[in-house]
N, C-alpha and C. Protein backbone atom coordinates (compact mmCIF):
# COMPACT_ATOMS: atom_id res chain seq x y z
N MET A 1 28.23 -20.15 -75.89
CA MET A 1 29.61 -20.32 -75.60
C MET A 1 30.07 -19.10 -74.80
N THR A 2 30.79 -19.37 -73.76
CA THR A 2 31.28 -18.33 -72.87
C THR A 2 32.64 -17.87 -73.36
N VAL A 3 32.78 -16.52 -73.40
CA VAL A 3 34.05 -15.97 -73.83
C VAL A 3 34.92 -15.81 -72.60
N THR A 4 36.05 -16.51 -72.63
CA THR A 4 36.99 -16.43 -71.51
C THR A 4 38.15 -15.53 -71.92
N GLU A 5 38.97 -15.24 -70.98
CA GLU A 5 40.14 -14.39 -71.25
C GLU A 5 41.11 -15.12 -72.16
N ARG A 6 41.17 -16.41 -72.01
CA ARG A 6 42.04 -17.23 -72.86
C ARG A 6 41.59 -17.17 -74.32
N ARG A 7 40.30 -17.27 -74.56
CA ARG A 7 39.77 -17.21 -75.93
C ARG A 7 40.00 -15.82 -76.52
N ARG A 8 39.84 -14.77 -75.72
CA ARG A 8 40.07 -13.42 -76.22
C ARG A 8 41.55 -13.26 -76.64
N HIS A 9 42.43 -13.82 -75.86
CA HIS A 9 43.85 -13.72 -76.17
C HIS A 9 44.18 -14.45 -77.49
N ARG A 10 43.58 -15.64 -77.68
CA ARG A 10 43.80 -16.40 -78.94
C ARG A 10 43.27 -15.63 -80.13
N LEU A 11 42.09 -14.93 -79.93
CA LEU A 11 41.51 -14.14 -81.03
C LEU A 11 42.45 -12.98 -81.37
N HIS A 12 43.00 -12.37 -80.38
CA HIS A 12 43.93 -11.25 -80.61
C HIS A 12 45.16 -11.73 -81.38
N GLN A 13 45.67 -12.90 -81.03
CA GLN A 13 46.83 -13.44 -81.73
C GLN A 13 46.49 -13.72 -83.19
N LYS A 14 45.31 -14.27 -83.45
CA LYS A 14 44.89 -14.60 -84.82
C LYS A 14 44.71 -13.33 -85.63
N LEU A 15 44.09 -12.32 -85.02
CA LEU A 15 43.91 -11.04 -85.72
C LEU A 15 45.27 -10.39 -85.99
N ASP A 16 46.20 -10.57 -85.09
CA ASP A 16 47.54 -10.01 -85.26
C ASP A 16 48.21 -10.66 -86.47
N GLU A 17 48.03 -11.98 -86.64
CA GLU A 17 48.61 -12.69 -87.78
C GLU A 17 47.99 -12.22 -89.08
N VAL A 18 46.66 -12.00 -89.06
CA VAL A 18 45.95 -11.67 -90.29
C VAL A 18 46.02 -10.17 -90.59
N LEU A 19 45.77 -9.29 -89.59
CA LEU A 19 45.63 -7.85 -89.81
C LEU A 19 46.88 -7.05 -89.42
N GLY A 20 47.67 -7.58 -88.60
CA GLY A 20 48.82 -6.84 -88.07
C GLY A 20 48.47 -6.36 -86.65
N LEU A 21 49.53 -5.97 -85.89
CA LEU A 21 49.35 -5.65 -84.46
C LEU A 21 48.43 -4.46 -84.25
N ASP A 22 48.62 -3.35 -85.00
CA ASP A 22 47.79 -2.14 -84.76
C ASP A 22 46.32 -2.41 -85.05
N ASP A 23 46.02 -3.04 -86.17
CA ASP A 23 44.62 -3.30 -86.51
C ASP A 23 44.00 -4.33 -85.58
N ALA A 24 44.80 -5.32 -85.17
CA ALA A 24 44.30 -6.33 -84.23
C ALA A 24 43.95 -5.67 -82.89
N THR A 25 44.81 -4.76 -82.42
CA THR A 25 44.56 -4.08 -81.15
C THR A 25 43.31 -3.21 -81.25
N THR A 26 43.19 -2.47 -82.37
CA THR A 26 42.00 -1.61 -82.57
C THR A 26 40.74 -2.45 -82.59
N THR A 27 40.76 -3.58 -83.29
CA THR A 27 39.58 -4.45 -83.37
C THR A 27 39.23 -4.99 -81.99
N MET A 28 40.20 -5.38 -81.22
CA MET A 28 39.94 -5.93 -79.88
C MET A 28 39.36 -4.85 -78.94
N GLU A 29 39.83 -3.60 -79.13
CA GLU A 29 39.32 -2.52 -78.28
C GLU A 29 37.87 -2.19 -78.61
N LEU A 30 37.44 -2.49 -79.84
CA LEU A 30 36.05 -2.22 -80.22
C LEU A 30 35.09 -3.26 -79.67
N LEU A 31 35.60 -4.40 -79.26
CA LEU A 31 34.75 -5.45 -78.70
C LEU A 31 34.50 -5.16 -77.22
N PRO A 32 33.31 -5.54 -76.73
CA PRO A 32 33.05 -5.34 -75.29
C PRO A 32 33.95 -6.27 -74.48
N PRO A 33 34.24 -5.88 -73.23
CA PRO A 33 35.13 -6.71 -72.42
C PRO A 33 34.53 -8.07 -72.09
N THR A 34 33.22 -8.21 -72.17
CA THR A 34 32.56 -9.49 -71.93
C THR A 34 31.70 -9.77 -73.14
N GLY A 35 30.77 -10.70 -73.00
CA GLY A 35 29.94 -11.06 -74.14
C GLY A 35 28.90 -9.99 -74.47
N TRP A 36 28.34 -10.06 -75.68
CA TRP A 36 27.33 -9.08 -76.12
C TRP A 36 26.07 -9.16 -75.28
N ALA A 37 25.88 -10.25 -74.62
CA ALA A 37 24.68 -10.38 -73.78
C ALA A 37 24.74 -9.42 -72.59
N ASP A 38 25.96 -9.03 -72.22
CA ASP A 38 26.13 -8.12 -71.09
C ASP A 38 26.05 -6.66 -71.50
N VAL A 39 26.00 -6.36 -72.77
CA VAL A 39 25.95 -4.98 -73.26
C VAL A 39 24.48 -4.54 -73.29
N ALA A 40 24.21 -3.36 -72.74
CA ALA A 40 22.84 -2.84 -72.72
C ALA A 40 22.50 -2.24 -74.07
N ARG A 41 21.25 -2.53 -74.53
CA ARG A 41 20.79 -1.96 -75.78
C ARG A 41 19.92 -0.75 -75.47
N ARG A 42 19.59 -0.01 -76.49
CA ARG A 42 18.80 1.22 -76.34
C ARG A 42 17.44 0.91 -75.70
N ASP A 43 16.78 -0.14 -76.12
CA ASP A 43 15.47 -0.46 -75.54
C ASP A 43 15.60 -0.91 -74.09
N ASP A 44 16.77 -1.53 -73.73
CA ASP A 44 17.01 -1.86 -72.32
C ASP A 44 17.09 -0.57 -71.49
N LEU A 45 17.81 0.39 -72.02
CA LEU A 45 17.95 1.67 -71.33
C LEU A 45 16.61 2.40 -71.23
N ASP A 46 15.80 2.33 -72.29
CA ASP A 46 14.48 2.97 -72.26
C ASP A 46 13.59 2.35 -71.20
N ARG A 47 13.60 1.00 -71.12
CA ARG A 47 12.81 0.31 -70.09
C ARG A 47 13.30 0.70 -68.69
N LEU A 48 14.63 0.74 -68.52
CA LEU A 48 15.21 1.11 -67.23
C LEU A 48 14.81 2.55 -66.87
N GLU A 49 14.85 3.43 -67.88
CA GLU A 49 14.47 4.83 -67.63
C GLU A 49 13.01 4.91 -67.20
N ALA A 50 12.13 4.16 -67.87
CA ALA A 50 10.71 4.19 -67.52
C ALA A 50 10.50 3.63 -66.11
N THR A 51 11.17 2.53 -65.80
CA THR A 51 11.04 1.93 -64.48
C THR A 51 11.54 2.89 -63.40
N LEU A 52 12.75 3.43 -63.60
CA LEU A 52 13.31 4.36 -62.62
C LEU A 52 12.48 5.64 -62.53
N GLY A 53 11.99 6.10 -63.69
CA GLY A 53 11.15 7.31 -63.68
C GLY A 53 9.90 7.09 -62.85
N GLY A 54 9.27 5.92 -62.98
CA GLY A 54 8.08 5.60 -62.18
C GLY A 54 8.42 5.53 -60.70
N GLN A 55 9.54 4.88 -60.41
CA GLN A 55 9.95 4.77 -59.00
C GLN A 55 10.26 6.16 -58.42
N ILE A 56 10.95 6.98 -59.20
CA ILE A 56 11.28 8.33 -58.73
C ILE A 56 10.01 9.14 -58.51
N THR A 57 9.06 8.99 -59.43
CA THR A 57 7.79 9.71 -59.29
C THR A 57 7.06 9.28 -58.03
N ARG A 58 7.05 7.96 -57.76
CA ARG A 58 6.39 7.46 -56.54
C ARG A 58 7.11 7.97 -55.29
N VAL A 59 8.44 7.91 -55.30
CA VAL A 59 9.21 8.38 -54.14
C VAL A 59 8.98 9.88 -53.96
N GLU A 60 8.97 10.62 -55.07
CA GLU A 60 8.74 12.06 -55.00
C GLU A 60 7.34 12.35 -54.43
N SER A 61 6.36 11.59 -54.88
CA SER A 61 4.99 11.77 -54.38
C SER A 61 4.91 11.43 -52.89
N ASP A 62 5.53 10.31 -52.52
CA ASP A 62 5.55 9.93 -51.10
C ASP A 62 6.24 11.00 -50.26
N LEU A 63 7.36 11.51 -50.78
CA LEU A 63 8.10 12.54 -50.06
C LEU A 63 7.27 13.80 -49.91
N ARG A 64 6.59 14.20 -50.96
CA ARG A 64 5.74 15.40 -50.88
C ARG A 64 4.63 15.19 -49.85
N GLY A 65 4.04 14.01 -49.86
CA GLY A 65 3.00 13.72 -48.87
C GLY A 65 3.55 13.77 -47.46
N GLU A 66 4.73 13.20 -47.28
CA GLU A 66 5.35 13.20 -45.94
C GLU A 66 5.70 14.63 -45.52
N ILE A 67 6.22 15.41 -46.46
CA ILE A 67 6.55 16.80 -46.16
C ILE A 67 5.29 17.57 -45.78
N GLU A 68 4.20 17.34 -46.50
CA GLU A 68 2.94 18.01 -46.17
C GLU A 68 2.45 17.60 -44.78
N ARG A 69 2.58 16.31 -44.45
CA ARG A 69 2.18 15.85 -43.12
C ARG A 69 3.04 16.51 -42.03
N VAL A 70 4.34 16.57 -42.28
CA VAL A 70 5.24 17.19 -41.30
C VAL A 70 4.91 18.68 -41.16
N GLU A 71 4.68 19.34 -42.29
CA GLU A 71 4.33 20.77 -42.23
C GLU A 71 3.03 20.97 -41.46
N THR A 72 2.04 20.11 -41.73
CA THR A 72 0.76 20.22 -41.02
C THR A 72 0.97 20.01 -39.52
N ASN A 73 1.74 18.98 -39.16
CA ASN A 73 2.03 18.73 -37.75
C ASN A 73 2.77 19.91 -37.11
N LEU A 74 3.75 20.43 -37.84
CA LEU A 74 4.51 21.57 -37.31
C LEU A 74 3.61 22.79 -37.13
N ARG A 75 2.77 23.05 -38.10
CA ARG A 75 1.85 24.19 -37.96
C ARG A 75 0.95 24.00 -36.74
N GLY A 76 0.44 22.79 -36.60
CA GLY A 76 -0.41 22.50 -35.43
C GLY A 76 0.36 22.68 -34.13
N GLU A 77 1.59 22.22 -34.10
CA GLU A 77 2.41 22.34 -32.89
C GLU A 77 2.74 23.81 -32.62
N ILE A 78 3.02 24.57 -33.68
CA ILE A 78 3.30 26.00 -33.50
C ILE A 78 2.07 26.71 -32.94
N VAL A 79 0.90 26.39 -33.48
CA VAL A 79 -0.33 27.00 -32.96
C VAL A 79 -0.53 26.60 -31.50
N HIS A 80 -0.33 25.32 -31.21
CA HIS A 80 -0.48 24.85 -29.83
C HIS A 80 0.49 25.56 -28.89
N GLN A 81 1.75 25.64 -29.30
CA GLN A 81 2.74 26.32 -28.46
C GLN A 81 2.40 27.79 -28.30
N GLY A 82 1.86 28.41 -29.36
CA GLY A 82 1.42 29.80 -29.25
C GLY A 82 0.32 29.95 -28.21
N GLN A 83 -0.62 29.00 -28.19
CA GLN A 83 -1.70 29.04 -27.20
C GLN A 83 -1.14 28.84 -25.79
N VAL A 84 -0.20 27.90 -25.67
CA VAL A 84 0.42 27.65 -24.36
C VAL A 84 1.13 28.91 -23.88
N MET A 85 1.88 29.55 -24.78
CA MET A 85 2.60 30.77 -24.40
C MET A 85 1.61 31.89 -24.03
N THR A 86 0.52 31.99 -24.78
CA THR A 86 -0.49 33.01 -24.47
C THR A 86 -1.06 32.77 -23.08
N GLU A 87 -1.36 31.51 -22.77
CA GLU A 87 -1.88 31.19 -21.44
C GLU A 87 -0.86 31.50 -20.35
N ARG A 88 0.39 31.18 -20.61
CA ARG A 88 1.44 31.45 -19.61
C ARG A 88 1.60 32.95 -19.39
N PHE A 89 1.60 33.71 -20.49
CA PHE A 89 1.72 35.16 -20.34
C PHE A 89 0.51 35.72 -19.61
N ALA A 90 -0.68 35.18 -19.87
CA ALA A 90 -1.87 35.65 -19.16
C ALA A 90 -1.73 35.34 -17.67
N SER A 91 -1.21 34.17 -17.35
CA SER A 91 -0.99 33.81 -15.94
C SER A 91 0.01 34.75 -15.29
N ILE A 92 1.08 35.04 -16.00
CA ILE A 92 2.09 35.95 -15.46
C ILE A 92 1.50 37.35 -15.30
N ASP A 93 0.72 37.80 -16.28
CA ASP A 93 0.06 39.10 -16.18
C ASP A 93 -0.84 39.14 -14.95
N HIS A 94 -1.57 38.05 -14.72
CA HIS A 94 -2.46 37.98 -13.56
C HIS A 94 -1.65 38.09 -12.26
N ARG A 95 -0.53 37.40 -12.22
CA ARG A 95 0.33 37.47 -11.02
C ARG A 95 0.85 38.89 -10.80
N PHE A 96 1.27 39.54 -11.88
CA PHE A 96 1.74 40.92 -11.75
C PHE A 96 0.62 41.84 -11.27
N GLU A 97 -0.59 41.61 -11.76
CA GLU A 97 -1.71 42.42 -11.30
C GLU A 97 -1.95 42.21 -9.80
N ALA A 98 -1.84 40.95 -9.36
CA ALA A 98 -2.01 40.67 -7.93
C ALA A 98 -0.92 41.36 -7.11
N ILE A 99 0.30 41.33 -7.62
CA ILE A 99 1.41 42.00 -6.92
C ILE A 99 1.16 43.51 -6.90
N ASP A 100 0.70 44.05 -8.03
CA ASP A 100 0.39 45.49 -8.08
C ASP A 100 -0.68 45.83 -7.05
N ASP A 101 -1.69 44.98 -6.93
CA ASP A 101 -2.75 45.21 -5.93
C ASP A 101 -2.17 45.21 -4.52
N ARG A 102 -1.26 44.26 -4.26
CA ARG A 102 -0.65 44.21 -2.92
C ARG A 102 0.19 45.46 -2.65
N PHE A 103 0.95 45.89 -3.65
CA PHE A 103 1.72 47.12 -3.47
C PHE A 103 0.79 48.31 -3.26
N GLY A 104 -0.33 48.32 -3.97
CA GLY A 104 -1.30 49.40 -3.78
C GLY A 104 -1.82 49.41 -2.35
N ALA A 105 -2.11 48.22 -1.82
CA ALA A 105 -2.60 48.14 -0.43
C ALA A 105 -1.51 48.61 0.54
N VAL A 106 -0.29 48.20 0.31
CA VAL A 106 0.81 48.64 1.18
C VAL A 106 0.97 50.15 1.08
N ASP A 107 0.90 50.69 -0.14
CA ASP A 107 1.00 52.15 -0.31
C ASP A 107 -0.11 52.87 0.46
N ARG A 108 -1.33 52.34 0.38
CA ARG A 108 -2.45 52.98 1.12
C ARG A 108 -2.20 52.90 2.63
N GLN A 109 -1.71 51.78 3.11
CA GLN A 109 -1.42 51.65 4.54
C GLN A 109 -0.32 52.62 4.97
N LEU A 110 0.71 52.75 4.12
CA LEU A 110 1.79 53.68 4.45
C LEU A 110 1.30 55.12 4.43
N GLU A 111 0.44 55.45 3.49
CA GLU A 111 -0.13 56.80 3.45
C GLU A 111 -0.96 57.08 4.69
N ALA A 112 -1.75 56.10 5.11
CA ALA A 112 -2.55 56.27 6.33
C ALA A 112 -1.62 56.44 7.53
N LEU A 113 -0.56 55.65 7.58
CA LEU A 113 0.40 55.77 8.67
C LEU A 113 1.08 57.14 8.66
N ASP A 114 1.41 57.63 7.45
CA ASP A 114 1.99 58.97 7.34
C ASP A 114 1.03 60.02 7.90
N ARG A 115 -0.25 59.91 7.55
CA ARG A 115 -1.23 60.88 8.08
C ARG A 115 -1.31 60.80 9.60
N ARG A 116 -1.31 59.59 10.13
CA ARG A 116 -1.37 59.43 11.59
C ARG A 116 -0.13 60.02 12.25
N MET A 117 1.04 59.79 11.62
CA MET A 117 2.28 60.33 12.17
C MET A 117 2.26 61.86 12.12
N GLU A 118 1.75 62.43 11.05
CA GLU A 118 1.65 63.89 10.95
C GLU A 118 0.73 64.44 12.05
N ARG A 119 -0.41 63.74 12.27
CA ARG A 119 -1.32 64.18 13.35
C ARG A 119 -0.62 64.05 14.70
N PHE A 120 0.10 62.95 14.90
CA PHE A 120 0.80 62.72 16.16
C PHE A 120 1.87 63.79 16.36
N GLU A 121 2.63 64.10 15.30
CA GLU A 121 3.65 65.15 15.40
C GLU A 121 3.00 66.49 15.75
N GLY A 122 1.85 66.76 15.12
CA GLY A 122 1.13 68.00 15.44
C GLY A 122 0.71 68.04 16.90
N GLN A 123 0.19 66.92 17.38
CA GLN A 123 -0.22 66.85 18.79
C GLN A 123 0.99 67.01 19.71
N MET A 124 2.10 66.37 19.32
CA MET A 124 3.31 66.47 20.14
C MET A 124 3.81 67.91 20.17
N GLU A 125 3.78 68.59 19.03
CA GLU A 125 4.22 69.98 18.99
C GLU A 125 3.31 70.86 19.86
N ARG A 126 1.99 70.62 19.78
CA ARG A 126 1.06 71.39 20.62
C ARG A 126 1.32 71.13 22.10
N MET A 127 1.52 69.85 22.43
CA MET A 127 1.76 69.50 23.83
C MET A 127 3.08 70.11 24.31
N ALA A 128 4.10 70.09 23.44
CA ALA A 128 5.39 70.68 23.81
C ALA A 128 5.21 72.18 24.04
N GLY A 129 4.43 72.82 23.16
CA GLY A 129 4.17 74.25 23.33
C GLY A 129 3.43 74.53 24.62
N GLU A 130 2.43 73.68 24.90
CA GLU A 130 1.66 73.86 26.13
C GLU A 130 2.55 73.64 27.35
N LEU A 131 3.42 72.62 27.26
CA LEU A 131 4.33 72.35 28.38
C LEU A 131 5.30 73.51 28.59
N ARG A 132 5.81 74.07 27.50
CA ARG A 132 6.72 75.22 27.62
C ARG A 132 5.99 76.40 28.28
N THR A 133 4.75 76.63 27.80
CA THR A 133 3.97 77.73 28.36
C THR A 133 3.71 77.49 29.84
N GLU A 134 3.31 76.26 30.17
CA GLU A 134 3.02 75.91 31.56
C GLU A 134 4.27 76.02 32.41
N PHE A 135 5.42 75.56 31.88
CA PHE A 135 6.68 75.62 32.60
C PHE A 135 7.07 77.07 32.87
N ARG A 136 6.93 77.91 31.84
CA ARG A 136 7.25 79.32 32.01
C ARG A 136 6.36 79.95 33.08
N SER A 137 5.08 79.59 33.01
CA SER A 137 4.13 80.15 33.98
C SER A 137 4.49 79.71 35.39
N LEU A 138 4.80 78.41 35.54
CA LEU A 138 5.18 77.90 36.86
C LEU A 138 6.49 78.53 37.34
N LEU A 139 7.43 78.71 36.39
CA LEU A 139 8.70 79.30 36.73
C LEU A 139 8.50 80.75 37.20
N ARG A 140 7.65 81.48 36.49
CA ARG A 140 7.37 82.86 36.89
C ARG A 140 6.73 82.90 38.29
N MET A 141 5.76 81.97 38.47
CA MET A 141 5.09 81.95 39.78
C MET A 141 6.08 81.60 40.88
N ASN A 142 6.97 80.69 40.59
CA ASN A 142 7.96 80.28 41.57
C ASN A 142 8.90 81.44 41.88
N ILE A 143 9.32 82.13 40.84
CA ILE A 143 10.20 83.29 41.04
C ILE A 143 9.46 84.37 41.82
N ALA A 144 8.21 84.59 41.46
CA ALA A 144 7.41 85.63 42.13
C ALA A 144 7.22 85.27 43.60
N SER A 145 6.90 83.99 43.86
CA SER A 145 6.68 83.61 45.25
C SER A 145 7.99 83.64 46.03
N THR A 146 9.11 83.33 45.36
CA THR A 146 10.41 83.41 46.02
C THR A 146 10.71 84.86 46.37
N PHE A 147 10.47 85.79 45.46
CA PHE A 147 10.70 87.20 45.74
C PHE A 147 9.74 87.69 46.83
N ALA A 148 8.51 87.21 46.78
CA ALA A 148 7.53 87.63 47.80
C ALA A 148 7.98 87.14 49.18
N ALA A 149 8.47 85.89 49.23
CA ALA A 149 8.92 85.34 50.51
C ALA A 149 10.14 86.10 51.00
N LEU A 150 11.04 86.41 50.08
CA LEU A 150 12.22 87.15 50.46
C LEU A 150 11.83 88.57 50.93
N SER A 151 10.89 89.19 50.23
CA SER A 151 10.44 90.52 50.62
C SER A 151 9.81 90.48 52.00
N LEU A 152 8.99 89.49 52.26
CA LEU A 152 8.36 89.35 53.58
C LEU A 152 9.42 89.09 54.64
N GLY A 153 10.38 88.26 54.28
CA GLY A 153 11.45 87.94 55.23
C GLY A 153 12.26 89.19 55.54
N LEU A 154 12.55 90.02 54.53
CA LEU A 154 13.29 91.25 54.75
C LEU A 154 12.46 92.25 55.57
N ALA A 155 11.20 92.33 55.23
CA ALA A 155 10.32 93.25 55.98
C ALA A 155 10.23 92.80 57.43
N ALA A 156 10.10 91.52 57.66
CA ALA A 156 10.01 91.03 59.04
C ALA A 156 11.31 91.25 59.79
N ALA A 157 12.42 91.10 59.06
CA ALA A 157 13.72 91.30 59.70
C ALA A 157 13.90 92.79 60.04
N ARG A 158 13.44 93.67 59.19
CA ARG A 158 13.54 95.09 59.46
C ARG A 158 12.66 95.47 60.65
N PHE A 159 11.52 94.93 60.68
CA PHE A 159 10.59 95.24 61.76
C PHE A 159 11.15 94.73 63.06
N LEU A 160 11.74 93.60 63.09
CA LEU A 160 12.27 93.01 64.31
C LEU A 160 13.56 93.69 64.73
N PHE A 161 14.32 94.10 63.84
CA PHE A 161 15.63 94.67 64.18
C PHE A 161 15.60 96.19 64.19
N VAL A 162 14.66 96.81 63.99
CA VAL A 162 14.62 98.27 64.02
C VAL A 162 14.14 98.76 65.34
């Protein structure tokens, strides 16, 4: 027999007639809101606990396995990325070494050019000195020959006019 709200109300009225309003209300509050078939018993709860406990254990085990797989994958990826980074840094180091070699070659060429320029400057200074010496010598000779010509001209003029 199904307990309906109408039947519960009639029971409350009957209890009110027999026990009085306060006791009838207390008795009705002690009854479950639906039938006893809907009330869980201790063994129902124990079975539910065992079932849920097993399910939780399986889910926990699955989760641990999944976490271990993810950790393993992450470790592998970290190692892989570390290797990739090591290779990239080695490549960059190699490029820097090549650039250093090129700068070294340029430095050697500039040093050789500096030595050539120093030799050229030395030669230019020697040539300038030689030119100054030669110019002075020519200038002296020119002055001497000019004085000699003037002296001869004066001597000839004296001889002719005396």
